[in-house]
Amino acid sequence: MMSYTGYVGTYTSEKSEGIYAFTYKNQTITGVHLFTKVRNPKYLAWMNDYIVAVCDFEEGSGVAVFDLNGNEIDHIVFEAFTSCYVGVKDNLIFTAHFHSGDVTLLRFENNHLELVQRTHIKDKAGCHQVIPYKDQYLVPCLFMDQIKILDKDFNVVDEISFEEGSGPRHAVFSDDEKYLYVVGELSNLLYVVDMHTKKIVNTVELLENGLSHVKDTAAIRKKDDYLYVSTRTQDVITVLHVSGKDVERIQVTSCAGKHPRDFVIVDDDIIVANRFSDSLSVLPIEHAYIQGAVSTVTIPEGVSIIMRSNKNE
């Protein structure tokens, strides 16, 4: 059975000191330890064998790059407070800032970080993600009820509009990129966007019994023909079957903790970071349905998870 190493970004506090690492094998988490001490590494991403993190420094906030031993390769400061998202495409790094309404494009070359472009969308726009799409980028803006479309130079060129109070947060594509599945953080709805027309073609409730607008729907992941979505106020993960624009909710179940900010799918298991219970839990997936937790460990203030396989074992 393949083993993995996982890395968890956190809000630093009296309990948390930075990025934590753990080993994952046979549905069990072991060896939790502090990987590197850094302030508020809220979101993590891979760039080849480097870990990219948004974080805080003495002189301000920005992005740092770490090797697999936890050593900082470089960091760059370009804002007053930490961004909430970081993503990577080739040697480009992009961040989204929820409060300032800025998105930033960086380049990492020869072990050096360089600021390429910083685009201000709107104060308090609620920018929450930057999604590469062909030669463009999509930026969900929660408080604008829009996804802004940026060109390769990070200029706003178009937009996708949502209903008032929807709060688009994160999204994933269908395998053919014809459809974008968007979670509304504020509405607790899933929206299906036709990427040819840039219009919403389907809307599905994420919670049971008609419950909506209780806020804090958060992460979305896709595995095969299924979507998995967490809602923090309800401490649940929703499972949906998707086929193009057609979506059916098939399960809403406990996340085995409180405040499921992020999760990943590894093989046939979900590993979820529950921030308010300071826990990391393993939830097996059987025939698309989530089962009860089989392993839980303590990791303080976990809000972002990335994984890599230990191929040499």
C-alpha atoms as a PDB file:
ATOM      1  CA  MET A   1       0.000   0.000   0.000  1.00  0.00           C
ATOM      2  CA  MET A   2       1.341   3.413  -1.019  1.00  0.00           C
ATOM      3  CA  SER A   3       2.302   5.805   1.752  1.00  0.00           C
ATOM      4  CA  TYR A   4       1.957   9.575   1.534  1.00  0.00           C
ATOM      5  CA  THR A   5       3.280  12.639   3.283  1.00  0.00           C
ATOM      6  CA  GLY A   6       0.757  15.361   3.986  1.00  0.00           C
ATOM      7  CA  TYR A   7       1.280  19.016   4.833  1.00  0.00           C
ATOM      8  CA  VAL A   8      -1.219  21.202   6.667  1.00  0.00           C
ATOM      9  CA  GLY A   9      -1.354  24.985   6.565  1.00  0.00           C
ATOM     10  CA  THR A  10      -2.736  26.681   9.669  1.00  0.00           C
ATOM     11  CA  TYR A  11      -3.748  29.898  11.314  1.00  0.00           C
ATOM     12  CA  THR A  12      -0.928  30.414  13.777  1.00  0.00           C
ATOM     13  CA  SER A  13      -1.945  30.992  17.384  1.00  0.00           C
ATOM     14  CA  GLU A  14      -0.969  29.851  20.860  1.00  0.00           C
ATOM     15  CA  LYS A  15      -1.675  26.328  19.595  1.00  0.00           C
ATOM     16  CA  SER A  16      -0.219  26.442  16.087  1.00  0.00           C
ATOM     17  CA  GLU A  17       3.287  27.390  14.952  1.00  0.00           C
ATOM     18  CA  GLY A  18       3.218  26.971  11.170  1.00  0.00           C
ATOM     19  CA  ILE A  19       3.047  24.153   8.617  1.00  0.00           C
ATOM     20  CA  TYR A  20       2.617  20.637   9.995  1.00  0.00           C
ATOM     21  CA  ALA A  21       3.495  17.347   8.307  1.00  0.00           C
ATOM     22  CA  PHE A  22       2.211  13.803   8.750  1.00  0.00           C
ATOM     23  CA  THR A  23       2.485  10.329   7.241  1.00  0.00           C
ATOM     24  CA  TYR A  24      -0.557   8.623   5.757  1.00  0.00           C
ATOM     25  CA  LYS A  25      -0.825   4.890   5.006  1.00  0.00           C
ATOM     26  CA  ASN A  26      -3.528   2.236   5.287  1.00  0.00           C
ATOM     27  CA  GLN A  27      -6.173   4.791   6.281  1.00  0.00           C
ATOM     28  CA  THR A  28      -4.065   5.875   9.257  1.00  0.00           C
ATOM     29  CA  ILE A  29      -2.354   9.185  10.057  1.00  0.00           C
ATOM     30  CA  THR A  30       0.895   9.005  12.038  1.00  0.00           C
ATOM     31  CA  GLY A  31       3.995  11.060  12.756  1.00  0.00           C
ATOM     32  CA  VAL A  32       2.404  14.495  13.056  1.00  0.00           C
ATOM     33  CA  HIS A  33       5.102  17.129  13.568  1.00  0.00           C
ATOM     34  CA  LEU A  34       5.906  20.783  12.930  1.00  0.00           C
ATOM     35  CA  PHE A  35       7.382  20.902   9.423  1.00  0.00           C
ATOM     36  CA  THR A  36       8.436  24.539   9.423  1.00  0.00           C
ATOM     37  CA  LYS A  37       7.770  27.484  11.695  1.00  0.00           C
ATOM     38  CA  VAL A  38       6.091  30.329   9.803  1.00  0.00           C
ATOM     39  CA  ARG A  39       3.239  32.709  10.561  1.00  0.00           C
ATOM     40  CA  ASN A  40      -0.241  32.117   9.136  1.00  0.00           C
ATOM     41  CA  PRO A  41       0.465  29.722   6.245  1.00  0.00           C
ATOM     42  CA  LYS A  42      -3.243  29.729   5.362  1.00  0.00           C
ATOM     43  CA  TYR A  43      -2.999  28.021   1.986  1.00  0.00           C
ATOM     44  CA  LEU A  44      -0.468  25.672   0.404  1.00  0.00           C
ATOM     45  CA  ALA A  45       0.294  24.494  -3.125  1.00  0.00           C
ATOM     46  CA  TRP A  46       2.854  22.339  -4.913  1.00  0.00           C
ATOM     47  CA  MET A  47       5.419  23.588  -7.391  1.00  0.00           C
ATOM     48  CA  ASN A  48       7.289  20.433  -8.398  1.00  0.00           C
ATOM     49  CA  ASP A  49       9.199  19.446  -5.235  1.00  0.00           C
ATOM     50  CA  TYR A  50       8.657  22.779  -3.515  1.00  0.00           C
ATOM     51  CA  ILE A  51       5.869  23.848  -1.180  1.00  0.00           C
ATOM     52  CA  VAL A  52       4.420  27.296  -1.863  1.00  0.00           C
ATOM     53  CA  ALA A  53       2.606  29.079   0.978  1.00  0.00           C
ATOM     54  CA  VAL A  54       0.962  32.406   1.636  1.00  0.00           C
ATOM     55  CA  CYS A  55       2.222  33.647   5.011  1.00  0.00           C
ATOM     56  CA  ASP A  56       3.213  36.594   7.187  1.00  0.00           C
ATOM     57  CA  PHE A  57       6.676  38.031   7.803  1.00  0.00           C
ATOM     58  CA  GLU A  58       8.089  40.799   9.989  1.00  0.00           C
ATOM     59  CA  GLU A  59       7.910  43.271   7.107  1.00  0.00           C
ATOM     60  CA  GLY A  60       4.450  42.297   5.832  1.00  0.00           C
ATOM     61  CA  SER A  61       2.702  39.441   4.032  1.00  0.00           C
ATOM     62  CA  GLY A  62       3.306  37.527   0.831  1.00  0.00           C
ATOM     63  CA  VAL A  63       4.492  34.155  -0.440  1.00  0.00           C
ATOM     64  CA  ALA A  64       7.266  31.788   0.619  1.00  0.00           C
ATOM     65  CA  VAL A  65       8.735  28.725  -1.098  1.00  0.00           C
ATOM     66  CA  PHE A  66      10.049  25.819   0.995  1.00  0.00           C
ATOM     67  CA  ASP A  67      11.973  22.672   0.124  1.00  0.00           C
ATOM     68  CA  LEU A  68      10.956  19.251   1.446  1.00  0.00           C
ATOM     69  CA  ASN A  69      13.182  19.699   4.490  1.00  0.00           C
ATOM     70  CA  GLY A  70      11.261  22.791   5.555  1.00  0.00           C
ATOM     71  CA  ASN A  71      13.994  25.226   4.530  1.00  0.00           C
ATOM     72  CA  GLU A  72      12.874  28.523   3.037  1.00  0.00           C
ATOM     73  CA  ILE A  73      14.185  28.943  -0.514  1.00  0.00           C
ATOM     74  CA  ASP A  74      12.862  32.477  -0.958  1.00  0.00           C
ATOM     75  CA  HIS A  75      10.033  34.738   0.114  1.00  0.00           C
ATOM     76  CA  ILE A  76       8.511  37.932  -1.210  1.00  0.00           C
ATOM     77  CA  VAL A  77       6.400  40.561   0.568  1.00  0.00           C
ATOM     78  CA  PHE A  78       3.782  42.460  -1.421  1.00  0.00           C
ATOM     79  CA  GLU A  79       0.787  43.110   0.863  1.00  0.00           C
ATOM     80  CA  ALA A  80      -0.172  44.097   4.404  1.00  0.00           C
ATOM     81  CA  PHE A  81      -2.180  40.984   5.304  1.00  0.00           C
ATOM     82  CA  THR A  82      -2.110  37.369   4.161  1.00  0.00           C
ATOM     83  CA  SER A  83      -3.914  36.242   1.021  1.00  0.00           C
ATOM     84  CA  CYS A  84      -6.426  33.414   1.471  1.00  0.00           C
ATOM     85  CA  TYR A  85      -5.415  31.348  -1.577  1.00  0.00           C
ATOM     86  CA  VAL A  86      -2.341  30.343  -3.543  1.00  0.00           C
ATOM     87  CA  GLY A  87      -2.185  28.325  -6.753  1.00  0.00           C
ATOM     88  CA  VAL A  88       0.507  27.293  -9.212  1.00  0.00           C
ATOM     89  CA  LYS A  89       0.773  26.777 -12.965  1.00  0.00           C
ATOM     90  CA  ASP A  90       4.215  25.876 -14.320  1.00  0.00           C
ATOM     91  CA  ASN A  91       6.567  28.462 -12.762  1.00  0.00           C
ATOM     92  CA  LEU A  92       3.783  30.979 -12.105  1.00  0.00           C
ATOM     93  CA  ILE A  93       2.195  31.510  -8.692  1.00  0.00           C
ATOM     94  CA  PHE A  94      -1.083  33.336  -8.152  1.00  0.00           C
ATOM     95  CA  THR A  95      -2.774  34.508  -4.963  1.00  0.00           C
ATOM     96  CA  ALA A  96      -6.185  35.925  -4.043  1.00  0.00           C
ATOM     97  CA  HIS A  97      -6.809  38.395  -1.216  1.00  0.00           C
ATOM     98  CA  PHE A  98     -10.271  38.228   0.313  1.00  0.00           C
ATOM     99  CA  HIS A  99     -10.334  41.640   2.004  1.00  0.00           C
ATOM    100  CA  SER A 100      -8.284  43.903  -0.262  1.00  0.00           C
ATOM    101  CA  GLY A 101      -9.795  42.535  -3.478  1.00  0.00           C
ATOM    102  CA  ASP A 102      -6.385  41.994  -5.074  1.00  0.00           C
ATOM    103  CA  VAL A 103      -5.038  39.092  -7.086  1.00  0.00           C
ATOM    104  CA  THR A 104      -1.300  38.737  -7.577  1.00  0.00           C
ATOM    105  CA  LEU A 105       0.790  36.960 -10.202  1.00  0.00           C
ATOM    106  CA  LEU A 106       4.337  35.882  -9.295  1.00  0.00           C
ATOM    107  CA  ARG A 107       7.127  34.037 -11.073  1.00  0.00           C
ATOM    108  CA  PHE A 108       9.536  31.573  -9.428  1.00  0.00           C
ATOM    109  CA  GLU A 109      12.740  31.141 -11.423  1.00  0.00           C
ATOM    110  CA  ASN A 110      16.270  30.161 -10.399  1.00  0.00           C
ATOM    111  CA  ASN A 111      15.131  29.885  -6.771  1.00  0.00           C
ATOM    112  CA  HIS A 112      13.924  33.487  -6.821  1.00  0.00           C
ATOM    113  CA  LEU A 113      10.415  34.922  -6.458  1.00  0.00           C
ATOM    114  CA  GLU A 114       9.463  37.887  -8.643  1.00  0.00           C
ATOM    115  CA  LEU A 115       6.278  39.980  -8.633  1.00  0.00           C
ATOM    116  CA  VAL A 116       4.836  40.030 -12.165  1.00  0.00           C
ATOM    117  CA  GLN A 117       1.443  41.699 -11.802  1.00  0.00           C
ATOM    118  CA  ARG A 118      -0.950  42.771  -9.065  1.00  0.00           C
ATOM    119  CA  THR A 119      -4.530  43.493 -10.094  1.00  0.00           C
ATOM    120  CA  HIS A 120      -7.015  45.318  -7.877  1.00  0.00           C
ATOM    121  CA  ILE A 121     -10.542  44.129  -8.575  1.00  0.00           C
ATOM    122  CA  LYS A 122     -12.462  45.991  -5.866  1.00  0.00           C
ATOM    123  CA  ASP A 123     -12.123  46.753  -2.149  1.00  0.00           C
ATOM    124  CA  LYS A 124     -13.683  43.906  -0.138  1.00  0.00           C
ATOM    125  CA  ALA A 125     -14.473  41.988  -3.330  1.00  0.00           C
ATOM    126  CA  GLY A 126     -14.036  38.704  -1.497  1.00  0.00           C
ATOM    127  CA  CYS A 127     -11.544  37.253  -3.997  1.00  0.00           C
ATOM    128  CA  HIS A 128     -11.206  33.615  -2.961  1.00  0.00           C
ATOM    129  CA  GLN A 129      -9.451  31.592  -5.655  1.00  0.00           C
ATOM    130  CA  VAL A 130      -7.538  31.909  -8.942  1.00  0.00           C
ATOM    131  CA  ILE A 131      -8.355  29.129 -11.416  1.00  0.00           C
ATOM    132  CA  PRO A 132      -6.324  28.694 -14.626  1.00  0.00           C
ATOM    133  CA  TYR A 133      -8.594  28.228 -17.646  1.00  0.00           C
ATOM    134  CA  LYS A 134      -7.013  27.925 -21.096  1.00  0.00           C
ATOM    135  CA  ASP A 135      -5.029  31.182 -21.402  1.00  0.00           C
ATOM    136  CA  GLN A 136      -7.147  32.961 -18.796  1.00  0.00           C
ATOM    137  CA  TYR A 137      -7.759  32.975 -15.043  1.00  0.00           C
ATOM    138  CA  LEU A 138     -11.073  32.803 -13.192  1.00  0.00           C
ATOM    139  CA  VAL A 139     -11.420  34.659  -9.876  1.00  0.00           C
ATOM    140  CA  PRO A 140     -14.514  33.996  -7.731  1.00  0.00           C
ATOM    141  CA  CYS A 141     -15.430  37.257  -5.962  1.00  0.00           C
ATOM    142  CA  LEU A 142     -17.671  36.312  -3.063  1.00  0.00           C
ATOM    143  CA  PHE A 143     -19.068  39.738  -2.178  1.00  0.00           C
ATOM    144  CA  MET A 144     -19.580  40.758  -5.809  1.00  0.00           C
ATOM    145  CA  ASP A 145     -21.543  37.595  -6.698  1.00  0.00           C
ATOM    146  CA  GLN A 146     -19.330  37.286  -9.755  1.00  0.00           C
ATOM    147  CA  ILE A 147     -16.432  35.350 -11.171  1.00  0.00           C
ATOM    148  CA  LYS A 148     -14.077  37.789 -12.835  1.00  0.00           C
ATOM    149  CA  ILE A 149     -12.250  36.521 -15.924  1.00  0.00           C
ATOM    150  CA  LEU A 150      -8.662  37.739 -16.354  1.00  0.00           C
ATOM    151  CA  ASP A 151      -6.423  37.415 -19.394  1.00  0.00           C
ATOM    152  CA  LYS A 152      -2.910  35.958 -19.270  1.00  0.00           C
ATOM    153  CA  ASP A 153      -1.549  39.363 -18.214  1.00  0.00           C
ATOM    154  CA  PHE A 154      -3.986  39.497 -15.276  1.00  0.00           C
ATOM    155  CA  ASN A 155      -6.272  42.143 -16.766  1.00  0.00           C
ATOM    156  CA  VAL A 156     -10.037  41.785 -16.185  1.00  0.00           C
ATOM    157  CA  VAL A 157     -11.711  41.062 -19.530  1.00  0.00           C
ATOM    158  CA  ASP A 158     -15.071  39.443 -18.686  1.00  0.00           C
ATOM    159  CA  GLU A 159     -17.245  38.140 -15.870  1.00  0.00           C
ATOM    160  CA  ILE A 160     -19.741  35.449 -14.912  1.00  0.00           C
ATOM    161  CA  SER A 161     -22.678  36.721 -12.856  1.00  0.00           C
ATOM    162  CA  PHE A 162     -24.480  34.889 -10.056  1.00  0.00           C
ATOM    163  CA  GLU A 163     -27.635  35.612  -8.088  1.00  0.00           C
ATOM    164  CA  GLU A 164     -27.423  38.182  -5.311  1.00  0.00           C
ATOM    165  CA  GLY A 165     -26.249  36.644  -2.044  1.00  0.00           C
ATOM    166  CA  SER A 166     -24.705  33.569  -3.675  1.00  0.00           C
ATOM    167  CA  GLY A 167     -21.104  34.246  -2.661  1.00  0.00           C
ATOM    168  CA  PRO A 168     -19.089  32.213  -5.191  1.00  0.00           C
ATOM    169  CA  ARG A 169     -16.037  30.851  -3.355  1.00  0.00           C
ATOM    170  CA  HIS A 170     -14.273  27.871  -4.953  1.00  0.00           C
ATOM    171  CA  ALA A 171     -14.841  25.870  -8.129  1.00  0.00           C
ATOM    172  CA  VAL A 172     -13.682  22.851 -10.123  1.00  0.00           C
ATOM    173  CA  PHE A 173     -14.081  21.940 -13.784  1.00  0.00           C
ATOM    174  CA  SER A 174     -15.692  18.971 -15.442  1.00  0.00           C
ATOM    175  CA  ASP A 175     -13.061  16.744 -17.039  1.00  0.00           C
ATOM    176  CA  ASP A 176     -13.661  18.309 -20.469  1.00  0.00           C
ATOM    177  CA  GLU A 177     -13.737  21.870 -19.015  1.00  0.00           C
ATOM    178  CA  LYS A 178     -17.153  22.463 -20.585  1.00  0.00           C
ATOM    179  CA  TYR A 179     -18.711  23.035 -17.178  1.00  0.00           C
ATOM    180  CA  LEU A 180     -17.559  24.791 -14.031  1.00  0.00           C
ATOM    181  CA  TYR A 181     -18.973  23.614 -10.700  1.00  0.00           C
ATOM    182  CA  VAL A 182     -19.056  26.555  -8.277  1.00  0.00           C
ATOM    183  CA  VAL A 183     -19.910  26.520  -4.568  1.00  0.00           C
ATOM    184  CA  GLY A 184     -21.821  29.467  -3.148  1.00  0.00           C
ATOM    185  CA  GLU A 185     -20.392  30.078   0.324  1.00  0.00           C
ATOM    186  CA  LEU A 186     -23.294  32.301   1.340  1.00  0.00           C
ATOM    187  CA  SER A 187     -26.179  30.495  -0.393  1.00  0.00           C
ATOM    188  CA  ASN A 188     -25.018  26.902   0.262  1.00  0.00           C
ATOM    189  CA  LEU A 189     -25.848  26.089  -3.344  1.00  0.00           C
ATOM    190  CA  LEU A 190     -23.858  24.469  -6.137  1.00  0.00           C
ATOM    191  CA  TYR A 191     -23.942  26.310  -9.456  1.00  0.00           C
ATOM    192  CA  VAL A 192     -23.162  24.728 -12.824  1.00  0.00           C
ATOM    193  CA  VAL A 193     -21.726  27.207 -15.332  1.00  0.00           C
ATOM    194  CA  ASP A 194     -21.637  26.481 -19.067  1.00  0.00           C
ATOM    195  CA  MET A 195     -18.194  27.789 -20.008  1.00  0.00           C
ATOM    196  CA  HIS A 196     -19.199  28.383 -23.632  1.00  0.00           C
ATOM    197  CA  THR A 197     -22.068  30.735 -22.784  1.00  0.00           C
ATOM    198  CA  LYS A 198     -20.689  31.827 -19.359  1.00  0.00           C
ATOM    199  CA  LYS A 199     -24.197  31.267 -17.976  1.00  0.00           C
ATOM    200  CA  ILE A 200     -25.517  29.260 -15.035  1.00  0.00           C
ATOM    201  CA  VAL A 201     -27.385  26.217 -16.361  1.00  0.00           C
ATOM    202  CA  ASN A 202     -28.174  24.378 -13.119  1.00  0.00           C
ATOM    203  CA  THR A 203     -28.406  25.038  -9.379  1.00  0.00           C
ATOM    204  CA  VAL A 204     -28.500  22.360  -6.672  1.00  0.00           C
ATOM    205  CA  GLU A 205     -29.005  22.583  -2.903  1.00  0.00           C
ATOM    206  CA  LEU A 206     -25.978  21.333  -0.970  1.00  0.00           C
ATOM    207  CA  LEU A 207     -27.802  20.843   2.337  1.00  0.00           C
ATOM    208  CA  GLU A 208     -30.817  18.743   3.259  1.00  0.00           C
ATOM    209  CA  ASN A 209     -34.406  19.746   4.091  1.00  0.00           C
ATOM    210  CA  GLY A 210     -34.275  22.908   2.001  1.00  0.00           C
ATOM    211  CA  LEU A 211     -31.630  24.451   4.255  1.00  0.00           C
ATOM    212  CA  SER A 212     -29.738  27.301   2.585  1.00  0.00           C
ATOM    213  CA  HIS A 213     -28.139  30.678   3.294  1.00  0.00           C
ATOM    214  CA  VAL A 214     -26.581  29.430   6.550  1.00  0.00           C
ATOM    215  CA  LYS A 215     -23.204  30.377   5.062  1.00  0.00           C
ATOM    216  CA  ASP A 216     -19.721  28.927   5.145  1.00  0.00           C
ATOM    217  CA  THR A 217     -19.758  26.338   2.387  1.00  0.00           C
ATOM    218  CA  ALA A 218     -16.032  25.988   1.755  1.00  0.00           C
ATOM    219  CA  ALA A 219     -14.010  23.388  -0.158  1.00  0.00           C
ATOM    220  CA  ILE A 220     -14.934  21.441  -3.291  1.00  0.00           C
ATOM    221  CA  ARG A 221     -13.127  18.411  -4.750  1.00  0.00           C
ATOM    222  CA  LYS A 222     -13.891  16.147  -7.695  1.00  0.00           C
ATOM    223  CA  LYS A 223     -13.250  12.405  -7.922  1.00  0.00           C
ATOM    224  CA  ASP A 224     -14.451  10.585 -11.028  1.00  0.00           C
ATOM    225  CA  ASP A 225     -18.140  11.467 -11.501  1.00  0.00           C
ATOM    226  CA  TYR A 226     -18.625  12.829  -7.996  1.00  0.00           C
ATOM    227  CA  LEU A 227     -18.204  16.141  -6.225  1.00  0.00           C
ATOM    228  CA  TYR A 228     -17.454  16.489  -2.527  1.00  0.00           C
ATOM    229  CA  VAL A 229     -18.241  19.803  -0.798  1.00  0.00           C
ATOM    230  CA  SER A 230     -17.752  20.894   2.836  1.00  0.00           C
ATOM    231  CA  THR A 231     -19.980  23.288   4.789  1.00  0.00           C
ATOM    232  CA  ARG A 232     -18.386  24.671   7.946  1.00  0.00           C
ATOM    233  CA  THR A 233     -21.466  25.947   9.797  1.00  0.00           C
ATOM    234  CA  GLN A 234     -23.087  22.506   9.567  1.00  0.00           C
ATOM    235  CA  ASP A 235     -19.920  20.368  10.008  1.00  0.00           C
ATOM    236  CA  VAL A 236     -20.838  18.251   6.988  1.00  0.00           C
ATOM    237  CA  ILE A 237     -19.556  17.078   3.622  1.00  0.00           C
ATOM    238  CA  THR A 238     -21.991  16.742   0.720  1.00  0.00           C
ATOM    239  CA  VAL A 239     -21.610  14.189  -2.069  1.00  0.00           C
ATOM    240  CA  LEU A 240     -23.060  14.881  -5.523  1.00  0.00           C
ATOM    241  CA  HIS A 241     -23.141  12.791  -8.688  1.00  0.00           C
ATOM    242  CA  VAL A 242     -22.367  14.850 -11.791  1.00  0.00           C
ATOM    243  CA  SER A 243     -22.772  14.258 -15.503  1.00  0.00           C
ATOM    244  CA  GLY A 244     -22.117  17.435 -17.452  1.00  0.00           C
ATOM    245  CA  LYS A 245     -24.696  19.978 -16.324  1.00  0.00           C
ATOM    246  CA  ASP A 246     -26.775  17.355 -14.496  1.00  0.00           C
ATOM    247  CA  VAL A 247     -26.131  17.093 -10.754  1.00  0.00           C
ATOM    248  CA  GLU A 248     -27.769  14.964  -8.068  1.00  0.00           C
ATOM    249  CA  ARG A 249     -27.082  15.259  -4.352  1.00  0.00           C
ATOM    250  CA  ILE A 250     -26.732  11.749  -2.910  1.00  0.00           C
ATOM    251  CA  GLN A 251     -25.360  12.218   0.614  1.00  0.00           C
ATOM    252  CA  VAL A 252     -24.840  14.784   3.375  1.00  0.00           C
ATOM    253  CA  THR A 253     -22.747  13.411   6.234  1.00  0.00           C
ATOM    254  CA  SER A 254     -20.645  14.409   9.241  1.00  0.00           C
ATOM    255  CA  CYS A 255     -17.067  15.631   8.762  1.00  0.00           C
ATOM    256  CA  ALA A 256     -16.117  14.009  12.122  1.00  0.00           C
ATOM    257  CA  GLY A 257     -15.162  17.353  13.632  1.00  0.00           C
ATOM    258  CA  LYS A 258     -15.967  21.056  13.691  1.00  0.00           C
ATOM    259  CA  HIS A 259     -15.453  23.570  10.868  1.00  0.00           C
ATOM    260  CA  PRO A 260     -14.235  21.514   7.846  1.00  0.00           C
ATOM    261  CA  ARG A 261     -12.173  24.235   6.168  1.00  0.00           C
ATOM    262  CA  ASP A 262     -10.353  21.977   3.685  1.00  0.00           C
ATOM    263  CA  PHE A 263     -10.015  18.355   2.650  1.00  0.00           C
ATOM    264  CA  VAL A 264      -8.235  16.214   0.070  1.00  0.00           C
ATOM    265  CA  ILE A 265      -9.092  12.901  -1.572  1.00  0.00           C
ATOM    266  CA  VAL A 266      -6.302  10.316  -1.489  1.00  0.00           C
ATOM    267  CA  ASP A 267      -6.977   6.983  -3.179  1.00  0.00           C
ATOM    268  CA  ASP A 268     -10.448   6.182  -1.790  1.00  0.00           C
ATOM    269  CA  ASP A 269     -10.259   8.261   1.363  1.00  0.00           C
ATOM    270  CA  ILE A 270     -11.047  11.814   2.390  1.00  0.00           C
ATOM    271  CA  ILE A 271      -8.631  13.524   4.773  1.00  0.00           C
ATOM    272  CA  VAL A 272     -10.372  16.534   6.297  1.00  0.00           C
ATOM    273  CA  ALA A 273      -8.946  19.403   8.345  1.00  0.00           C
ATOM    274  CA  ASN A 274     -11.475  20.478  10.972  1.00  0.00           C
ATOM    275  CA  ARG A 275     -10.187  23.800  12.230  1.00  0.00           C
ATOM    276  CA  PHE A 276     -12.287  24.377  15.355  1.00  0.00           C
ATOM    277  CA  SER A 277     -11.774  20.848  16.697  1.00  0.00           C
ATOM    278  CA  ASP A 278      -8.021  20.994  15.930  1.00  0.00           C
ATOM    279  CA  SER A 279      -8.333  17.655  14.174  1.00  0.00           C
ATOM    280  CA  LEU A 280      -7.449  15.791  11.008  1.00  0.00           C
ATOM    281  CA  SER A 281      -9.708  12.831  10.201  1.00  0.00           C
ATOM    282  CA  VAL A 282      -9.781  10.041   7.618  1.00  0.00           C
ATOM    283  CA  LEU A 283     -13.185   9.262   6.088  1.00  0.00           C
ATOM    284  CA  PRO A 284     -13.185   6.265   3.709  1.00  0.00           C
ATOM    285  CA  ILE A 285     -15.171   6.453   0.467  1.00  0.00           C
ATOM    286  CA  GLU A 286     -17.107   3.348  -0.568  1.00  0.00           C
ATOM    287  CA  HIS A 287     -18.999   3.398  -3.882  1.00  0.00           C
ATOM    288  CA  ALA A 288     -18.854   7.233  -3.772  1.00  0.00           C
ATOM    289  CA  TYR A 289     -20.441   7.401  -0.296  1.00  0.00           C
ATOM    290  CA  ILE A 290     -18.472   8.723   2.699  1.00  0.00           C
ATOM    291  CA  GLN A 291     -18.110   6.380   5.672  1.00  0.00           C
ATOM    292  CA  GLY A 292     -17.420   7.171   9.326  1.00  0.00           C
ATOM    293  CA  ALA A 293     -13.982   8.315  10.496  1.00  0.00           C
ATOM    294  CA  VAL A 294     -11.382   5.559  10.919  1.00  0.00           C
ATOM    295  CA  SER A 295      -8.459   7.715  12.073  1.00  0.00           C
ATOM    296  CA  THR A 296      -8.313  11.091  13.830  1.00  0.00           C
ATOM    297  CA  VAL A 297      -5.291  13.033  15.081  1.00  0.00           C
ATOM    298  CA  THR A 298      -4.705  16.464  16.570  1.00  0.00           C
ATOM    299  CA  ILE A 299      -3.398  19.242  14.327  1.00  0.00           C
ATOM    300  CA  PRO A 300      -4.082  22.788  15.551  1.00  0.00           C
ATOM    301  CA  GLU A 301      -6.021  25.290  13.414  1.00  0.00           C
ATOM    302  CA  GLY A 302      -5.729  23.299  10.161  1.00  0.00           C
ATOM    303  CA  VAL A 303      -7.103  25.148   7.122  1.00  0.00           C
ATOM    304  CA  SER A 304      -5.278  23.749   4.052  1.00  0.00           C
ATOM    305  CA  ILE A 305      -3.959  20.308   3.059  1.00  0.00           C
ATOM    306  CA  ILE A 306      -1.632  19.104   0.299  1.00  0.00           C
ATOM    307  CA  MET A 307      -0.294  15.567  -0.220  1.00  0.00           C
ATOM    308  CA  ARG A 308       2.490  13.763  -2.071  1.00  0.00           C
ATOM    309  CA  SER A 309       3.118  10.058  -2.570  1.00  0.00           C
ATOM    310  CA  ASN A 310       6.282   8.491  -1.162  1.00  0.00           C
ATOM    311  CA  LYS A 311       7.146   6.691  -4.391  1.00  0.00           C
ATOM    312  CA  ASN A 312      10.551   5.455  -3.307  1.00  0.00           C
ATOM    313  CA  GLU A 313       9.256   3.326  -0.448  1.00  0.00           C
END
